[in-house]
Amino acid sequence: MAGKLKVTLIKSMIGRPEKHRKVLRGMGLTKINRTVVLKDIPAVRGMIEKVSHLVKAEEATDETA
């Protein structure tokens, strides 16, 4: 069973490489402090790893999912 991850953009994407911007947009993050809940799958884990310096990721509980 795949869980959920709560991902929050904590740093701006201004001045970042286009690859980082595309990853963030692909996850649905466009503004600082915006939070999205995503499935905990390897593809999403890889995206988070690529921009780990710009986001905060945590496991989502039932009430936050």
N, C-alpha and C. Protein backbone atom coordinates (compact mmCIF):
# COMPACT_ATOMS: atom_id res chain seq x y z
N MET A 1 0.84 -1.19 0.00
CA MET A 1 0.00 0.00 0.00
C MET A 1 0.88 1.24 0.00
N ALA A 2 0.68 2.10 -0.97
CA ALA A 2 1.46 3.33 -1.05
C ALA A 2 0.86 4.38 -0.14
N GLY A 3 1.70 5.01 0.67
CA GLY A 3 1.25 6.06 1.56
C GLY A 3 1.19 7.38 0.83
N LYS A 4 1.17 8.45 1.60
CA LYS A 4 1.12 9.79 1.03
C LYS A 4 2.27 10.61 1.60
N LEU A 5 2.75 11.56 0.82
CA LEU A 5 3.79 12.48 1.24
C LEU A 5 3.25 13.90 1.13
N LYS A 6 3.53 14.69 2.14
CA LYS A 6 3.15 16.10 2.13
C LYS A 6 4.41 16.89 1.79
N VAL A 7 4.40 17.60 0.66
CA VAL A 7 5.57 18.31 0.16
C VAL A 7 5.25 19.81 0.14
N THR A 8 6.15 20.60 0.74
CA THR A 8 5.97 22.05 0.83
C THR A 8 7.16 22.75 0.20
N LEU A 9 6.90 23.74 -0.64
CA LEU A 9 7.96 24.55 -1.24
C LEU A 9 8.41 25.58 -0.21
N ILE A 10 9.69 25.54 0.19
CA ILE A 10 10.17 26.46 1.23
C ILE A 10 11.15 27.50 0.71
N LYS A 11 11.68 27.30 -0.49
CA LYS A 11 12.58 28.28 -1.10
C LYS A 11 12.12 28.58 -2.51
N SER A 12 12.42 29.79 -2.95
CA SER A 12 11.99 30.23 -4.27
C SER A 12 12.72 29.50 -5.38
N MET A 13 12.03 29.36 -6.52
CA MET A 13 12.66 28.74 -7.68
C MET A 13 13.33 29.78 -8.58
N ILE A 14 13.32 31.05 -8.17
CA ILE A 14 13.97 32.10 -8.95
C ILE A 14 15.47 31.85 -8.99
N GLY A 15 16.04 31.89 -10.17
CA GLY A 15 17.47 31.70 -10.33
C GLY A 15 17.90 30.24 -10.33
N ARG A 16 16.96 29.33 -10.28
CA ARG A 16 17.28 27.90 -10.28
C ARG A 16 17.28 27.39 -11.71
N PRO A 17 17.99 26.30 -11.98
CA PRO A 17 18.00 25.74 -13.35
C PRO A 17 16.60 25.33 -13.79
N GLU A 18 16.39 25.35 -15.09
CA GLU A 18 15.08 25.02 -15.66
C GLU A 18 14.64 23.60 -15.28
N LYS A 19 15.57 22.67 -15.14
CA LYS A 19 15.22 21.30 -14.74
C LYS A 19 14.56 21.30 -13.37
N HIS A 20 15.09 22.10 -12.44
CA HIS A 20 14.51 22.17 -11.10
C HIS A 20 13.11 22.76 -11.17
N ARG A 21 12.93 23.79 -11.98
CA ARG A 21 11.61 24.42 -12.12
C ARG A 21 10.59 23.45 -12.68
N LYS A 22 11.00 22.65 -13.67
CA LYS A 22 10.09 21.68 -14.26
C LYS A 22 9.68 20.60 -13.26
N VAL A 23 10.63 20.18 -12.43
CA VAL A 23 10.32 19.18 -11.41
C VAL A 23 9.31 19.75 -10.42
N LEU A 24 9.53 20.98 -9.98
CA LEU A 24 8.61 21.61 -9.03
C LEU A 24 7.22 21.78 -9.63
N ARG A 25 7.15 22.23 -10.87
CA ARG A 25 5.85 22.39 -11.53
C ARG A 25 5.17 21.04 -11.71
N GLY A 26 5.97 20.02 -12.00
CA GLY A 26 5.43 18.67 -12.17
C GLY A 26 4.79 18.14 -10.89
N MET A 27 5.32 18.58 -9.75
CA MET A 27 4.75 18.18 -8.46
C MET A 27 3.58 19.07 -8.07
N GLY A 28 3.35 20.16 -8.82
CA GLY A 28 2.24 21.06 -8.51
C GLY A 28 2.61 22.18 -7.57
N LEU A 29 3.91 22.44 -7.41
CA LEU A 29 4.37 23.51 -6.53
C LEU A 29 4.73 24.73 -7.35
N THR A 30 4.03 25.85 -7.11
CA THR A 30 4.29 27.05 -7.89
C THR A 30 4.63 28.25 -7.02
N LYS A 31 4.21 28.25 -5.76
CA LYS A 31 4.45 29.39 -4.87
C LYS A 31 5.05 28.90 -3.55
N ILE A 32 5.80 29.78 -2.92
CA ILE A 32 6.40 29.45 -1.62
C ILE A 32 5.29 29.19 -0.60
N ASN A 33 5.56 28.22 0.26
CA ASN A 33 4.64 27.77 1.32
C ASN A 33 3.40 27.05 0.78
N ARG A 34 3.38 26.72 -0.49
CA ARG A 34 2.30 25.92 -1.06
C ARG A 34 2.59 24.46 -0.74
N THR A 35 1.59 23.73 -0.30
CA THR A 35 1.75 22.32 0.08
C THR A 35 0.88 21.45 -0.81
N VAL A 36 1.43 20.33 -1.24
CA VAL A 36 0.68 19.35 -2.01
C VAL A 36 0.85 17.98 -1.36
N VAL A 37 -0.14 17.13 -1.52
CA VAL A 37 -0.08 15.75 -1.02
C VAL A 37 0.04 14.84 -2.23
N LEU A 38 1.11 14.06 -2.25
CA LEU A 38 1.41 13.18 -3.39
C LEU A 38 1.53 11.74 -2.93
N LYS A 39 1.33 10.80 -3.86
CA LYS A 39 1.50 9.39 -3.55
C LYS A 39 2.98 9.11 -3.25
N ASP A 40 3.22 8.21 -2.33
CA ASP A 40 4.58 7.82 -1.98
C ASP A 40 5.03 6.70 -2.92
N ILE A 41 5.50 7.12 -4.10
CA ILE A 41 5.99 6.16 -5.10
C ILE A 41 7.42 6.55 -5.47
N PRO A 42 8.18 5.63 -6.05
CA PRO A 42 9.58 5.93 -6.37
C PRO A 42 9.78 7.16 -7.27
N ALA A 43 8.88 7.39 -8.20
CA ALA A 43 9.01 8.55 -9.10
C ALA A 43 8.94 9.86 -8.31
N VAL A 44 8.01 9.94 -7.38
CA VAL A 44 7.86 11.15 -6.57
C VAL A 44 9.05 11.29 -5.63
N ARG A 45 9.51 10.18 -5.06
CA ARG A 45 10.70 10.23 -4.19
C ARG A 45 11.91 10.77 -4.96
N GLY A 46 12.06 10.37 -6.22
CA GLY A 46 13.16 10.86 -7.05
C GLY A 46 13.04 12.34 -7.33
N MET A 47 11.82 12.82 -7.56
CA MET A 47 11.60 14.24 -7.80
C MET A 47 11.96 15.05 -6.55
N ILE A 48 11.56 14.54 -5.39
CA ILE A 48 11.86 15.23 -4.14
C ILE A 48 13.37 15.27 -3.91
N GLU A 49 14.06 14.20 -4.23
CA GLU A 49 15.50 14.15 -4.04
C GLU A 49 16.21 15.18 -4.92
N LYS A 50 15.71 15.39 -6.13
CA LYS A 50 16.34 16.34 -7.06
C LYS A 50 16.25 17.79 -6.55
N VAL A 51 15.17 18.11 -5.85
CA VAL A 51 14.98 19.49 -5.37
C VAL A 51 14.87 19.53 -3.85
N SER A 52 15.59 18.62 -3.18
CA SER A 52 15.48 18.51 -1.73
C SER A 52 15.90 19.79 -1.00
N HIS A 53 16.75 20.61 -1.64
CA HIS A 53 17.19 21.85 -1.03
C HIS A 53 16.12 22.96 -1.13
N LEU A 54 15.04 22.71 -1.88
CA LEU A 54 13.99 23.70 -2.06
C LEU A 54 12.68 23.32 -1.38
N VAL A 55 12.54 22.06 -0.98
CA VAL A 55 11.27 21.58 -0.44
C VAL A 55 11.46 20.92 0.92
N LYS A 56 10.32 20.80 1.62
CA LYS A 56 10.27 20.03 2.87
C LYS A 56 9.25 18.93 2.64
N ALA A 57 9.67 17.69 2.88
CA ALA A 57 8.77 16.55 2.65
C ALA A 57 8.59 15.79 3.95
N GLU A 58 7.34 15.37 4.20
CA GLU A 58 7.04 14.57 5.38
C GLU A 58 5.89 13.64 5.06
N GLU A 59 5.78 12.57 5.82
CA GLU A 59 4.68 11.64 5.61
C GLU A 59 3.39 12.29 6.05
N ALA A 60 2.37 12.13 5.24
CA ALA A 60 1.07 12.71 5.54
C ALA A 60 0.27 11.74 6.41
N THR A 61 -0.34 12.28 7.45
CA THR A 61 -1.21 11.46 8.28
C THR A 61 -2.60 11.45 7.65
N ASP A 62 -3.50 10.65 8.20
CA ASP A 62 -4.84 10.52 7.64
C ASP A 62 -5.58 11.85 7.61
N GLU A 63 -5.45 12.66 8.65
CA GLU A 63 -6.20 13.92 8.69
C GLU A 63 -5.61 14.99 7.77
N THR A 64 -4.31 14.86 7.36
CA THR A 64 -3.73 15.86 6.47
C THR A 64 -3.80 15.42 5.02
N ALA A 65 -4.15 14.18 4.75
CA ALA A 65 -4.17 13.69 3.37
C ALA A 65 -5.47 14.00 2.68
